[in-house]
PDB file of N, CA and C in Angstrom:
ATOM      1  N   MET A   1     114.223 134.578 126.823  1.00  0.00           N
ATOM      2  CA  MET A   1     113.142 133.853 126.175  1.00  0.00           C
ATOM      3  C   MET A   1     113.360 132.353 126.386  1.00  0.00           C
ATOM      4  N   ASN A   2     112.367 131.685 126.906  1.00  0.00           N
ATOM      5  CA  ASN A   2     112.454 130.260 127.177  1.00  0.00           C
ATOM      6  C   ASN A   2     111.798 129.488 126.026  1.00  0.00           C
ATOM      7  N   ILE A   3     112.625 128.859 125.186  1.00  0.00           N
ATOM      8  CA  ILE A   3     112.085 128.141 124.030  1.00  0.00           C
ATOM      9  C   ILE A   3     111.538 126.764 124.407  1.00  0.00           C
ATOM     10  N   PHE A   4     111.902 126.253 125.579  1.00  0.00           N
ATOM     11  CA  PHE A   4     111.440 124.935 126.003  1.00  0.00           C
ATOM     12  C   PHE A   4     110.290 125.052 126.986  1.00  0.00           C
ATOM     13  N   ASN A   5     109.165 125.504 126.503  1.00  0.00           N
ATOM     14  CA  ASN A   5     107.978 125.522 127.338  1.00  0.00           C
ATOM     15  C   ASN A   5     107.398 124.111 127.393  1.00  0.00           C
ATOM     16  N   LYS A   6     106.348 123.926 128.130  1.00  0.00           N
ATOM     17  CA  LYS A   6     105.762 122.589 128.313  1.00  0.00           C
ATOM     18  C   LYS A   6     105.285 121.980 127.000  1.00  0.00           C
ATOM     19  N   LYS A   7     104.692 122.787 126.148  1.00  0.00           N
ATOM     20  CA  LYS A   7     104.179 122.282 124.874  1.00  0.00           C
ATOM     21  C   LYS A   7     105.324 121.819 123.972  1.00  0.00           C
ATOM     22  N   THR A   8     106.382 122.610 123.875  1.00  0.00           N
ATOM     23  CA  THR A   8     107.539 122.236 123.053  1.00  0.00           C
ATOM     24  C   THR A   8     108.180 120.965 123.591  1.00  0.00           C
ATOM     25  N   PHE A   9     108.329 120.876 124.902  1.00  0.00           N
ATOM     26  CA  PHE A   9     108.921 119.685 125.506  1.00  0.00           C
ATOM     27  C   PHE A   9     108.082 118.450 125.183  1.00  0.00           C
ATOM     28  N   LEU A  10     106.772 118.561 125.286  1.00  0.00           N
ATOM     29  CA  LEU A  10     105.889 117.436 125.010  1.00  0.00           C
ATOM     30  C   LEU A  10     106.006 116.974 123.559  1.00  0.00           C
ATOM     31  N   VAL A  11     106.048 117.909 122.622  1.00  0.00           N
ATOM     32  CA  VAL A  11     106.177 117.565 121.203  1.00  0.00           C
ATOM     33  C   VAL A  11     107.510 116.870 120.950  1.00  0.00           C
ATOM     34  N   VAL A  12     108.601 117.425 121.472  1.00  0.00           N
ATOM     35  CA  VAL A  12     109.934 116.823 121.288  1.00  0.00           C
ATOM     36  C   VAL A  12     109.965 115.429 121.910  1.00  0.00           C
ATOM     37  N   PHE A  13     109.412 115.286 123.088  1.00  0.00           N
ATOM     38  CA  PHE A  13     109.378 113.992 123.764  1.00  0.00           C
ATOM     39  C   PHE A  13     108.607 112.961 122.936  1.00  0.00           C
ATOM     40  N   LEU A  14     107.451 113.334 122.415  1.00  0.00           N
ATOM     41  CA  LEU A  14     106.649 112.407 121.614  1.00  0.00           C
ATOM     42  C   LEU A  14     107.359 111.997 120.331  1.00  0.00           C
ATOM     43  N   VAL A  15     108.005 112.950 119.668  1.00  0.00           N
ATOM     44  CA  VAL A  15     108.730 112.638 118.433  1.00  0.00           C
ATOM     45  C   VAL A  15     109.860 111.664 118.715  1.00  0.00           C
ATOM     46  N   PHE A  16     110.652 111.919 119.740  1.00  0.00           N
ATOM     47  CA  PHE A  16     111.754 111.010 120.057  1.00  0.00           C
ATOM     48  C   PHE A  16     111.242 109.649 120.509  1.00  0.00           C
ATOM     49  N   SER A  17     110.134 109.610 121.224  1.00  0.00           N
ATOM     50  CA  SER A  17     109.570 108.329 121.650  1.00  0.00           C
ATOM     51  C   SER A  17     109.170 107.484 120.452  1.00  0.00           C
ATOM     52  N   VAL A  18     108.526 108.097 119.480  1.00  0.00           N
ATOM     53  CA  VAL A  18     108.120 107.375 118.267  1.00  0.00           C
ATOM     54  C   VAL A  18     109.339 106.885 117.514  1.00  0.00           C
ATOM     55  N   LEU A  19     110.354 107.738 117.359  1.00  0.00           N
ATOM     56  CA  LEU A  19     111.553 107.348 116.615  1.00  0.00           C
ATOM     57  C   LEU A  19     112.303 106.220 117.294  1.00  0.00           C
ATOM     58  N   LEU A  20     112.358 106.221 118.608  1.00  0.00           N
ATOM     59  CA  LEU A  20     113.076 105.170 119.324  1.00  0.00           C
ATOM     60  C   LEU A  20     112.364 103.825 119.236  1.00  0.00           C
ATOM     61  N   TRP A  21     111.049 103.823 119.186  1.00  0.00           N
ATOM     62  CA  TRP A  21     110.306 102.570 119.157  1.00  0.00           C
ATOM     63  C   TRP A  21     109.850 102.180 117.771  1.00  0.00           C
ATOM     64  N   TRP A  22     110.176 102.966 116.748  1.00  0.00           N
ATOM     65  CA  TRP A  22     109.767 102.686 115.369  1.00  0.00           C
ATOM     66  C   TRP A  22     110.125 101.280 114.894  1.00  0.00           C
ATOM     67  N   PRO A  23     111.364 100.779 115.150  1.00  0.00           N
ATOM     68  CA  PRO A  23     111.704  99.443 114.637  1.00  0.00           C
ATOM     69  C   PRO A  23     110.815  98.338 115.177  1.00  0.00           C
ATOM     70  N   LEU A  24     110.218  98.550 116.347  1.00  0.00           N
ATOM     71  CA  LEU A  24     109.383  97.506 116.923  1.00  0.00           C
ATOM     72  C   LEU A  24     107.906  97.760 116.711  1.00  0.00           C
ATOM     73  N   GLY A  25     107.562  98.771 115.949  1.00  0.00           N
ATOM     74  CA  GLY A  25     106.164  99.125 115.755  1.00  0.00           C
ATOM     75  C   GLY A  25     105.333  98.007 115.176  1.00  0.00           C
ATOM     76  N   ALA A  26     105.921  97.177 114.346  1.00  0.00           N
ATOM     77  CA  ALA A  26     105.167  96.101 113.710  1.00  0.00           C
ATOM     78  C   ALA A  26     104.799  94.998 114.685  1.00  0.00           C
ATOM     79  N   GLN A  27     105.381  94.993 115.876  1.00  0.00           N
ATOM     80  CA  GLN A  27     105.041  93.950 116.834  1.00  0.00           C
ATOM     81  C   GLN A  27     103.593  94.062 117.291  1.00  0.00           C
ATOM     82  N   ASN A  28     103.002  95.227 117.131  1.00  0.00           N
ATOM     83  CA  ASN A  28     101.612  95.402 117.523  1.00  0.00           C
ATOM     84  C   ASN A  28     100.649  94.928 116.447  1.00  0.00           C
ATOM     85  N   ILE A  29     101.154  94.558 115.300  1.00  0.00           N
ATOM     86  CA  ILE A  29     100.332  94.093 114.180  1.00  0.00           C
ATOM     87  C   ILE A  29     100.235  92.575 114.257  1.00  0.00           C
ATOM     88  N   LYS A  30      99.093  92.046 113.891  1.00  0.00           N
ATOM     89  CA  LYS A  30      98.983  90.587 113.830  1.00  0.00           C
ATOM     90  C   LYS A  30      99.886  90.087 112.716  1.00  0.00           C
ATOM     91  N   HIS A  31     100.835  89.256 113.065  1.00  0.00           N
ATOM     92  CA  HIS A  31     101.844  88.849 112.095  1.00  0.00           C
ATOM     93  C   HIS A  31     101.386  87.774 111.134  1.00  0.00           C
ATOM     94  N   ASP A  32     100.179  87.273 111.304  1.00  0.00           N
ATOM     95  CA  ASP A  32      99.699  86.301 110.327  1.00  0.00           C
ATOM     96  C   ASP A  32      99.513  86.937 108.954  1.00  0.00           C
ATOM     97  N   ILE A  33      99.307  88.257 108.904  1.00  0.00           N
ATOM     98  CA  ILE A  33      99.181  88.940 107.600  1.00  0.00           C
ATOM     99  C   ILE A  33     100.487  88.840 106.820  1.00  0.00           C
ATOM    100  N   PHE A  34     101.622  88.960 107.501  1.00  0.00           N
ATOM    101  CA  PHE A  34     102.913  88.867 106.818  1.00  0.00           C
ATOM    102  C   PHE A  34     103.189  87.429 106.393  1.00  0.00           C
ATOM    103  N   GLU A  35     102.785  86.482 107.227  1.00  0.00           N
ATOM    104  CA  GLU A  35     102.939  85.073 106.860  1.00  0.00           C
ATOM    105  C   GLU A  35     102.102  84.745 105.624  1.00  0.00           C
ATOM    106  N   LYS A  36     100.893  85.276 105.553  1.00  0.00           N
ATOM    107  CA  LYS A  36     100.040  85.054 104.377  1.00  0.00           C
ATOM    108  C   LYS A  36     100.660  85.670 103.125  1.00  0.00           C
ATOM    109  N   ARG A  37     101.266  86.837 103.267  1.00  0.00           N
ATOM    110  CA  ARG A  37     101.915  87.480 102.121  1.00  0.00           C
ATOM    111  C   ARG A  37     103.092  86.640 101.624  1.00  0.00           C
ATOM    112  N   ARG A  38     103.884  86.113 102.552  1.00  0.00           N
ATOM    113  CA  ARG A  38     105.013  85.263 102.147  1.00  0.00           C
ATOM    114  C   ARG A  38     104.507  83.985 101.491  1.00  0.00           C
ATOM    115  N   GLN A  39     103.424  83.428 102.035  1.00  0.00           N
ATOM    116  CA  GLN A  39     102.847  82.210 101.463  1.00  0.00           C
ATOM    117  C   GLN A  39     102.345  82.465 100.048  1.00  0.00           C
ATOM    118  N   THR A  40     101.699  83.596  99.831  1.00  0.00           N
ATOM    119  CA  THR A  40     101.221  83.950  98.490  1.00  0.00           C
ATOM    120  C   THR A  40     102.387  84.066  97.521  1.00  0.00           C
ATOM    121  N   LEU A  41     103.457  84.704  97.964  1.00  0.00           N
ATOM    122  CA  LEU A  41     104.657  84.823  97.124  1.00  0.00           C
ATOM    123  C   LEU A  41     105.196  83.444  96.772  1.00  0.00           C
ATOM    124  N   MET A  42     105.302  82.553  97.764  1.00  0.00           N
ATOM    125  CA  MET A  42     105.842  81.210  97.510  1.00  0.00           C
ATOM    126  C   MET A  42     104.965  80.430  96.539  1.00  0.00           C
ATOM    127  N   GLU A  43     103.655  80.619  96.625  1.00  0.00           N
ATOM    128  CA  GLU A  43     102.749  79.927  95.709  1.00  0.00           C
ATOM    129  C   GLU A  43     102.941  80.398  94.269  1.00  0.00           C
ATOM    130  N   LYS A  44     103.330  81.644  94.097  1.00  0.00           N
ATOM    131  CA  LYS A  44     103.528  82.194  92.755  1.00  0.00           C
ATOM    132  C   LYS A  44     104.923  81.906  92.201  1.00  0.00           C
ATOM    133  N   MET A  45     105.841  81.532  93.073  1.00  0.00           N
ATOM    134  CA  MET A  45     107.202  81.224  92.621  1.00  0.00           C
ATOM    135  C   MET A  45     107.219  79.823  92.013  1.00  0.00           C
ATOM    136  N   GLU A  46     108.008  79.647  91.001  1.00  0.00           N
ATOM    137  CA  GLU A  46     108.168  78.330  90.389  1.00  0.00           C
ATOM    138  C   GLU A  46     109.554  77.818  90.739  1.00  0.00           C
ATOM    139  N   GLY A  47     109.740  77.502  92.009  1.00  0.00           N
ATOM    140  CA  GLY A  47     111.044  77.080  92.484  1.00  0.00           C
ATOM    141  C   GLY A  47     111.925  78.289  92.740  1.00  0.00           C
ATOM    142  N   GLY A  48     113.187  78.040  92.972  1.00  0.00           N
ATOM    143  CA  GLY A  48     114.136  79.115  93.193  1.00  0.00           C
ATOM    144  C   GLY A  48     114.087  79.659  94.607  1.00  0.00           C
ATOM    145  N   ILE A  49     114.776  80.761  94.781  1.00  0.00           N
ATOM    146  CA  ILE A  49     114.883  81.420  96.080  1.00  0.00           C
ATOM    147  C   ILE A  49     114.644  82.907  95.875  1.00  0.00           C
ATOM    148  N   ALA A  50     113.850  83.511  96.742  1.00  0.00           N
ATOM    149  CA  ALA A  50     113.655  84.970  96.721  1.00  0.00           C
ATOM    150  C   ALA A  50     114.467  85.568  97.855  1.00  0.00           C
ATOM    151  N   VAL A  51     115.228  86.610  97.554  1.00  0.00           N
ATOM    152  CA  VAL A  51     116.057  87.285  98.551  1.00  0.00           C
ATOM    153  C   VAL A  51     115.637  88.744  98.601  1.00  0.00           C
ATOM    154  N   PHE A  52     115.380  89.234  99.805  1.00  0.00           N
ATOM    155  CA  PHE A  52     115.003  90.631  99.999  1.00  0.00           C
ATOM    156  C   PHE A  52     115.896  91.245 101.054  1.00  0.00           C
ATOM    157  N   SER A  53     116.311  92.459 100.801  1.00  0.00           N
ATOM    158  CA  SER A  53     117.150  93.197 101.733  1.00  0.00           C
ATOM    159  C   SER A  53     116.413  94.444 102.182  1.00  0.00           C
ATOM    160  N   GLY A  54     116.525  94.742 103.460  1.00  0.00           N
ATOM    161  CA  GLY A  54     115.958  95.977 103.967  1.00  0.00           C
ATOM    162  C   GLY A  54     116.643  97.192 103.386  1.00  0.00           C
ATOM    163  N   ALA A  55     117.872  97.021 102.914  1.00  0.00           N
ATOM    164  CA  ALA A  55     118.634  98.141 102.345  1.00  0.00           C
ATOM    165  C   ALA A  55     118.129  98.518 100.961  1.00  0.00           C
ATOM    166  N   GLY A  56     117.549  97.593 100.252  1.00  0.00           N
ATOM    167  CA  GLY A  56     117.064  97.867  98.904  1.00  0.00           C
ATOM    168  C   GLY A  56     115.785  98.669  98.927  1.00  0.00           C
ATOM    169  N   ASN A  57     114.684  97.987  98.943  1.00  0.00           N
ATOM    170  CA  ASN A  57     113.382  98.639  98.981  1.00  0.00           C
ATOM    171  C   ASN A  57     112.723  98.266 100.300  1.00  0.00           C
ATOM    172  N   LEU A  58     112.831  99.146 101.271  1.00  0.00           N
ATOM    173  CA  LEU A  58     112.343  98.844 102.612  1.00  0.00           C
ATOM    174  C   LEU A  58     110.843  98.569 102.637  1.00  0.00           C
ATOM    175  N   SER A  59     110.071  99.152 101.711  1.00  0.00           N
ATOM    176  CA  SER A  59     108.631  98.901 101.714  1.00  0.00           C
ATOM    177  C   SER A  59     108.320  97.454 101.321  1.00  0.00           C
ATOM    178  N   ASP A  60     109.043  96.890 100.348  1.00  0.00           N
ATOM    179  CA  ASP A  60     108.856  95.482  99.990  1.00  0.00           C
ATOM    180  C   ASP A  60     109.268  94.587 101.154  1.00  0.00           C
ATOM    181  N   PHE A  61     110.375  94.911 101.781  1.00  0.00           N
ATOM    182  CA  PHE A  61     110.888  94.138 102.915  1.00  0.00           C
ATOM    183  C   PHE A  61     109.866  94.156 104.052  1.00  0.00           C
ATOM    184  N   TYR A  62     109.369  95.336 104.383  1.00  0.00           N
ATOM    185  CA  TYR A  62     108.367  95.460 105.445  1.00  0.00           C
ATOM    186  C   TYR A  62     107.083  94.709 105.076  1.00  0.00           C
ATOM    187  N   TYR A  63     106.668  94.783 103.825  1.00  0.00           N
ATOM    188  CA  TYR A  63     105.451  94.120 103.360  1.00  0.00           C
ATOM    189  C   TYR A  63     105.492  92.618 103.647  1.00  0.00           C
ATOM    190  N   LEU A  64     106.673  92.018 103.539  1.00  0.00           N
ATOM    191  CA  LEU A  64     106.814  90.579 103.743  1.00  0.00           C
ATOM    192  C   LEU A  64     107.180  90.190 105.165  1.00  0.00           C
ATOM    193  N   THR A  65     107.759  91.127 105.931  1.00  0.00           N
ATOM    194  CA  THR A  65     108.269  90.767 107.256  1.00  0.00           C
ATOM    195  C   THR A  65     107.579  91.470 108.414  1.00  0.00           C
ATOM    196  N   GLY A  66     107.173  92.720 108.207  1.00  0.00           N
ATOM    197  CA  GLY A  66     106.666  93.527 109.309  1.00  0.00           C
ATOM    198  C   GLY A  66     107.781  94.200 110.080  1.00  0.00           C
ATOM    199  N   LEU A  67     108.980  94.185 109.526  1.00  0.00           N
ATOM    200  CA  LEU A  67     110.161  94.726 110.205  1.00  0.00           C
ATOM    201  C   LEU A  67     110.760  95.864 109.402  1.00  0.00           C
ATOM    202  N   TYR A  68     111.060  96.965 110.090  1.00  0.00           N
ATOM    203  CA  TYR A  68     111.816  98.067 109.491  1.00  0.00           C
ATOM    204  C   TYR A  68     113.269  97.892 109.914  1.00  0.00           C
ATOM    205  N   ASP A  69     114.109  97.414 109.029  1.00  0.00           N
ATOM    206  CA  ASP A  69     115.530  97.231 109.353  1.00  0.00           C
ATOM    207  C   ASP A  69     116.328  97.212 108.059  1.00  0.00           C
ATOM    208  N   GLU A  70     117.113  98.271 107.843  1.00  0.00           N
ATOM    209  CA  GLU A  70     117.903  98.372 106.613  1.00  0.00           C
ATOM    210  C   GLU A  70     119.044  97.374 106.563  1.00  0.00           C
ATOM    211  N   THR A  71     119.394  96.774 107.701  1.00  0.00           N
ATOM    212  CA  THR A  71     120.530  95.852 107.724  1.00  0.00           C
ATOM    213  C   THR A  71     120.116  94.394 107.570  1.00  0.00           C
ATOM    214  N   ALA A  72     118.835  94.099 107.637  1.00  0.00           N
ATOM    215  CA  ALA A  72     118.371  92.707 107.610  1.00  0.00           C
ATOM    216  C   ALA A  72     118.208  92.197 106.180  1.00  0.00           C
ATOM    217  N   VAL A  73     118.300  90.880 106.041  1.00  0.00           N
ATOM    218  CA  VAL A  73     118.112  90.196 104.762  1.00  0.00           C
ATOM    219  C   VAL A  73     117.257  88.963 105.031  1.00  0.00           C
ATOM    220  N   ILE A  74     116.323  88.675 104.106  1.00  0.00           N
ATOM    221  CA  ILE A  74     115.536  87.451 104.244  1.00  0.00           C
ATOM    222  C   ILE A  74     115.651  86.596 102.988  1.00  0.00           C
ATOM    223  N   PHE A  75     115.520  85.306 103.196  1.00  0.00           N
ATOM    224  CA  PHE A  75     115.446  84.331 102.113  1.00  0.00           C
ATOM    225  C   PHE A  75     114.090  83.656 102.217  1.00  0.00           C
ATOM    226  N   ILE A  76     113.389  83.561 101.099  1.00  0.00           N
ATOM    227  CA  ILE A  76     112.131  82.823 101.036  1.00  0.00           C
ATOM    228  C   ILE A  76     112.356  81.678 100.064  1.00  0.00           C
ATOM    229  N   ILE A  77     112.193  80.449 100.593  1.00  0.00           N
ATOM    230  CA  ILE A  77     112.559  79.260  99.831  1.00  0.00           C
ATOM    231  C   ILE A  77     111.379  78.285  99.820  1.00  0.00           C
ATOM    232  N   PRO A  78     110.555  78.333  98.773  1.00  0.00           N
ATOM    233  CA  PRO A  78     109.421  77.397  98.704  1.00  0.00           C
ATOM    234  C   PRO A  78     109.915  75.954  98.642  1.00  0.00           C
ATOM    235  N   GLY A  79     109.199  75.065  99.306  1.00  0.00           N
ATOM    236  CA  GLY A  79     109.545  73.644  99.249  1.00  0.00           C
ATOM    237  C   GLY A  79     110.615  73.217 100.233  1.00  0.00           C
ATOM    238  N   ALA A  80     111.277  74.143 100.894  1.00  0.00           N
ATOM    239  CA  ALA A  80     112.313  73.796 101.870  1.00  0.00           C
ATOM    240  C   ALA A  80     111.682  73.577 103.238  1.00  0.00           C
ATOM    241  N   ASP A  81     112.398  72.883 104.119  1.00  0.00           N
ATOM    242  CA  ASP A  81     111.913  72.713 105.490  1.00  0.00           C
ATOM    243  C   ASP A  81     111.877  74.063 106.206  1.00  0.00           C
ATOM    244  N   GLU A  82     112.893  74.865 105.972  1.00  0.00           N
ATOM    245  CA  GLU A  82     112.961  76.216 106.546  1.00  0.00           C
ATOM    246  C   GLU A  82     112.716  77.197 105.409  1.00  0.00           C
ATOM    247  N   LYS A  83     111.465  77.594 105.246  1.00  0.00           N
ATOM    248  CA  LYS A  83     111.051  78.401 104.105  1.00  0.00           C
ATOM    249  C   LYS A  83     111.383  79.882 104.251  1.00  0.00           C
ATOM    250  N   TYR A  84     111.559  80.345 105.481  1.00  0.00           N
ATOM    251  CA  TYR A  84     111.728  81.765 105.762  1.00  0.00           C
ATOM    252  C   TYR A  84     112.923  81.948 106.691  1.00  0.00           C
ATOM    253  N   ILE A  85     114.026  82.403 106.125  1.00  0.00           N
ATOM    254  CA  ILE A  85     115.270  82.578 106.876  1.00  0.00           C
ATOM    255  C   ILE A  85     115.601  84.062 106.939  1.00  0.00           C
ATOM    256  N   MET A  86     115.939  84.526 108.137  1.00  0.00           N
ATOM    257  CA  MET A  86     116.236  85.943 108.337  1.00  0.00           C
ATOM    258  C   MET A  86     117.652  86.118 108.882  1.00  0.00           C
ATOM    259  N   PHE A  87     118.364  87.070 108.294  1.00  0.00           N
ATOM    260  CA  PHE A  87     119.652  87.520 108.801  1.00  0.00           C
ATOM    261  C   PHE A  87     119.414  88.896 109.412  1.00  0.00           C
ATOM    262  N   ILE A  88     119.753  89.051 110.688  1.00  0.00           N
ATOM    263  CA  ILE A  88     119.420  90.273 111.412  1.00  0.00           C
ATOM    264  C   ILE A  88     120.516  90.600 112.428  1.00  0.00           C
ATOM    265  N   ARG A  89     120.603  91.862 112.804  1.00  0.00           N
ATOM    266  CA  ARG A  89     121.553  92.239 113.851  1.00  0.00           C
ATOM    267  C   ARG A  89     121.113  91.615 115.174  1.00  0.00           C
ATOM    268  N   PRO A  90     122.032  91.008 115.914  1.00  0.00           N
ATOM    269  CA  PRO A  90     121.668  90.520 117.246  1.00  0.00           C
ATOM    270  C   PRO A  90     121.355  91.708 118.162  1.00  0.00           C
ATOM    271  N   SER A  91     120.564  91.444 119.199  1.00  0.00           N
ATOM    272  CA  SER A  91     120.280  92.492 120.176  1.00  0.00           C
ATOM    273  C   SER A  91     121.578  92.929 120.843  1.00  0.00           C
ATOM    274  N   SER A  92     121.653  94.201 121.165  1.00  0.00           N
ATOM    275  CA  SER A  92     122.834  94.749 121.825  1.00  0.00           C
ATOM    276  C   SER A  92     122.396  95.803 122.834  1.00  0.00           C
ATOM    277  N   PRO A  93     122.566  95.526 124.125  1.00  0.00           N
ATOM    278  CA  PRO A  93     122.174  96.512 125.135  1.00  0.00           C
ATOM    279  C   PRO A  93     122.889  97.862 124.954  1.00  0.00           C
ATOM    280  N   VAL A  94     124.130  97.834 124.523  1.00  0.00           N
ATOM    281  CA  VAL A  94     124.871  99.093 124.327  1.00  0.00           C
ATOM    282  C   VAL A  94     124.264  99.885 123.171  1.00  0.00           C
ATOM    283  N   ARG A  95     124.017  99.224 122.045  1.00  0.00           N
ATOM    284  CA  ARG A  95     123.423  99.915 120.897  1.00  0.00           C
ATOM    285  C   ARG A  95     122.019 100.425 121.232  1.00  0.00           C
ATOM    286  N   GLU A  96     121.281  99.658 122.029  1.00  0.00           N
ATOM    287  CA  GLU A  96     119.920 100.052 122.379  1.00  0.00           C
ATOM    288  C   GLU A  96     119.887 101.296 123.258  1.00  0.00           C
ATOM    289  N   LEU A  97     120.962 101.552 123.978  1.00  0.00           N
ATOM    290  CA  LEU A  97     121.038 102.797 124.741  1.00  0.00           C
ATOM    291  C   LEU A  97     120.985 104.005 123.822  1.00  0.00           C
ATOM    292  N   TRP A  98     121.577 103.883 122.645  1.00  0.00           N
ATOM    293  CA  TRP A  98     121.673 105.009 121.710  1.00  0.00           C
ATOM    294  C   TRP A  98     120.545 105.040 120.695  1.00  0.00           C
ATOM    295  N   SER A  99     120.124 103.875 120.228  1.00  0.00           N
ATOM    296  CA  SER A  99     119.152 103.872 119.134  1.00  0.00           C
ATOM    297  C   SER A  99     117.808 103.244 119.479  1.00  0.00           C
ATOM    298  N   GLY A 100     117.623 102.804 120.705  1.00  0.00           N
ATOM    299  CA  GLY A 100     116.353 102.223 121.115  1.00  0.00           C
ATOM    300  C   GLY A 100     116.312 100.718 120.909  1.00  0.00           C
ATOM    301  N   LYS A 101     115.248 100.121 121.366  1.00  0.00           N
ATOM    302  CA  LYS A 101     115.074  98.666 121.286  1.00  0.00           C
ATOM    303  C   LYS A 101     115.038  98.212 119.834  1.00  0.00           C
ATOM    304  N   HIS A 102     115.735  97.124 119.578  1.00  0.00           N
ATOM    305  CA  HIS A 102     115.798  96.557 118.240  1.00  0.00           C
ATOM    306  C   HIS A 102     115.609  95.055 118.354  1.00  0.00           C
ATOM    307  N   PRO A 103     114.775  94.460 117.512  1.00  0.00           N
ATOM    308  CA  PRO A 103     114.593  93.007 117.586  1.00  0.00           C
ATOM    309  C   PRO A 103     115.883  92.274 117.239  1.00  0.00           C
ATOM    310  N   GLY A 104     116.122  91.187 117.942  1.00  0.00           N
ATOM    311  CA  GLY A 104     117.309  90.375 117.695  1.00  0.00           C
ATOM    312  C   GLY A 104     116.933  89.017 117.138  1.00  0.00           C
ATOM    313  N   LEU A 105     117.818  88.047 117.311  1.00  0.00           N
ATOM    314  CA  LEU A 105     117.617  86.710 116.747  1.00  0.00           C
ATOM    315  C   LEU A 105     116.375  86.022 117.323  1.00  0.00           C
ATOM    316  N   GLU A 106     116.163  86.163 118.623  1.00  0.00           N
ATOM    317  CA  GLU A 106     115.008  85.524 119.238  1.00  0.00           C
ATOM    318  C   GLU A 106     113.707  86.110 118.696  1.00  0.00           C
ATOM    319  N   GLU A 107     113.659  87.436 118.587  1.00  0.00           N
ATOM    320  CA  GLU A 107     112.452  88.091 118.077  1.00  0.00           C
ATOM    321  C   GLU A 107     112.224  87.789 116.602  1.00  0.00           C
ATOM    322  N   ALA A 108     113.311  87.572 115.850  1.00  0.00           N
ATOM    323  CA  ALA A 108     113.167  87.230 114.427  1.00  0.00           C
ATOM    324  C   ALA A 108     112.296  85.992 114.273  1.00  0.00           C
ATOM    325  N   LYS A 109     112.454  85.055 115.185  1.00  0.00           N
ATOM    326  CA  LYS A 109     111.651  83.832 115.126  1.00  0.00           C
ATOM    327  C   LYS A 109     110.321  83.999 115.856  1.00  0.00           C
ATOM    328  N   ALA A 110     110.363  84.488 117.081  1.00  0.00           N
ATOM    329  CA  ALA A 110     109.159  84.545 117.914  1.00  0.00           C
ATOM    330  C   ALA A 110     108.155  85.592 117.440  1.00  0.00           C
ATOM    331  N   VAL A 111     108.645  86.758 117.020  1.00  0.00           N
ATOM    332  CA  VAL A 111     107.747  87.854 116.653  1.00  0.00           C
ATOM    333  C   VAL A 111     107.526  87.923 115.145  1.00  0.00           C
ATOM    334  N   PHE A 112     108.600  87.780 114.374  1.00  0.00           N
ATOM    335  CA  PHE A 112     108.511  87.982 112.932  1.00  0.00           C
ATOM    336  C   PHE A 112     108.391  86.682 112.146  1.00  0.00           C
ATOM    337  N   GLY A 113     108.295  85.547 112.837  1.00  0.00           N
ATOM    338  CA  GLY A 113     107.939  84.282 112.206  1.00  0.00           C
ATOM    339  C   GLY A 113     109.007  83.582 111.395  1.00  0.00           C
ATOM    340  N   ALA A 114     110.273  83.971 111.539  1.00  0.00           N
ATOM    341  CA  ALA A 114     111.338  83.311 110.768  1.00  0.00           C
ATOM    342  C   ALA A 114     111.490  81.863 111.230  1.00  0.00           C
ATOM    343  N   ASP A 115     111.695  80.969 110.273  1.00  0.00           N
ATOM    344  CA  ASP A 115     111.958  79.577 110.619  1.00  0.00           C
ATOM    345  C   ASP A 115     113.360  79.423 111.197  1.00  0.00           C
ATOM    346  N   LYS A 116     114.267  80.241 110.725  1.00  0.00           N
ATOM    347  CA  LYS A 116     115.659  80.222 111.182  1.00  0.00           C
ATOM    348  C   LYS A 116     116.168  81.655 111.158  1.00  0.00           C
ATOM    349  N   ALA A 117     116.989  82.033 112.141  1.00  0.00           N
ATOM    350  CA  ALA A 117     117.559  83.379 112.189  1.00  0.00           C
ATOM    351  C   ALA A 117     119.055  83.291 112.453  1.00  0.00           C
ATOM    352  N   TYR A 118     119.799  84.091 111.707  1.00  0.00           N
ATOM    353  CA  TYR A 118     121.249  84.148 111.842  1.00  0.00           C
ATOM    354  C   TYR A 118     121.672  85.600 112.041  1.00  0.00           C
ATOM    355  N   PRO A 119     122.809  85.813 112.710  1.00  0.00           N
ATOM    356  CA  PRO A 119     123.341  87.185 112.792  1.00  0.00           C
ATOM    357  C   PRO A 119     123.744  87.669 111.401  1.00  0.00           C
ATOM    358  N   ILE A 120     123.449  88.908 111.091  1.00  0.00           N
ATOM    359  CA  ILE A 120     123.781  89.463 109.774  1.00  0.00           C
ATOM    360  C   ILE A 120     125.286  89.418 109.530  1.00  0.00           C
ATOM    361  N   ASN A 121     126.078  89.451 110.575  1.00  0.00           N
ATOM    362  CA  ASN A 121     127.537  89.384 110.421  1.00  0.00           C
ATOM    363  C   ASN A 121     127.993  88.038 109.890  1.00  0.00           C
ATOM    364  N   ASP A 122     127.162  87.000 110.016  1.00  0.00           N
ATOM    365  CA  ASP A 122     127.515  85.661 109.510  1.00  0.00           C
ATOM    366  C   ASP A 122     127.124  85.468 108.048  1.00  0.00           C
ATOM    367  N   PHE A 123     126.484  86.452 107.450  1.00  0.00           N
ATOM    368  CA  PHE A 123     126.004  86.322 106.073  1.00  0.00           C
ATOM    369  C   PHE A 123     127.132  85.943 105.120  1.00  0.00           C
ATOM    370  N   ASP A 124     128.222  86.710 105.156  1.00  0.00           N
ATOM    371  CA  ASP A 124     129.344  86.433 104.247  1.00  0.00           C
ATOM    372  C   ASP A 124     129.984  85.086 104.545  1.00  0.00           C
ATOM    373  N   LYS A 125     130.083  84.713 105.803  1.00  0.00           N
ATOM    374  CA  LYS A 125     130.712  83.446 106.175  1.00  0.00           C
ATOM    375  C   LYS A 125     129.924  82.248 105.624  1.00  0.00           C
ATOM    376  N   LEU A 126     128.595  82.348 105.661  1.00  0.00           N
ATOM    377  CA  LEU A 126     127.766  81.235 105.198  1.00  0.00           C
ATOM    378  C   LEU A 126     127.748  81.087 103.683  1.00  0.00           C
ATOM    379  N   PHE A 127     128.017  82.185 102.968  1.00  0.00           N
ATOM    380  CA  PHE A 127     127.900  82.147 101.505  1.00  0.00           C
ATOM    381  C   PHE A 127     129.206  82.353 100.772  1.00  0.00           C
ATOM    382  N   SER A 128     130.314  82.214 101.463  1.00  0.00           N
ATOM    383  CA  SER A 128     131.600  82.345 100.773  1.00  0.00           C
ATOM    384  C   SER A 128     132.295  81.017 100.627  1.00  0.00           C
TER     385      SER A 128
END
C-alpha cells in the first residue's frame, strides 16, 4: 500500500511550505497599520515605557509589530527619538536551513519599522 500518493504529497508539501514561511507572513501586509497601532498606544500612554515580548502574549506582540517571533522583545517609548526599539534574533543561514527564513536586524527596521534593532542576545548586556 502506497500511502504517499500525489494528493497526500501535495497536502504535506503545502503544510510544510506554510509553516516554513509563517514568520515572514506579515511582510505581505501593509505595515502602516502596525505603525498606526503603535502610535495610538503612544498617544494613550502618559509617559513611561511599554515593553512587549513575543513569549508572553504573541497576539498582542503581533498586533503591534506584524511579527510572529516568541524570542523578540519590543520597547515603545513615547517622546523619545527612537520610539520603537526591537530586540530580535539575527539572521542565520544555518538556522534557516532547519526552520525557514526568519527576519533579522535589517528586516526589523526595513520591514517591521523599528527605529533601532539589536540582537536579542544583547538584551541582558544592555540592561545589566
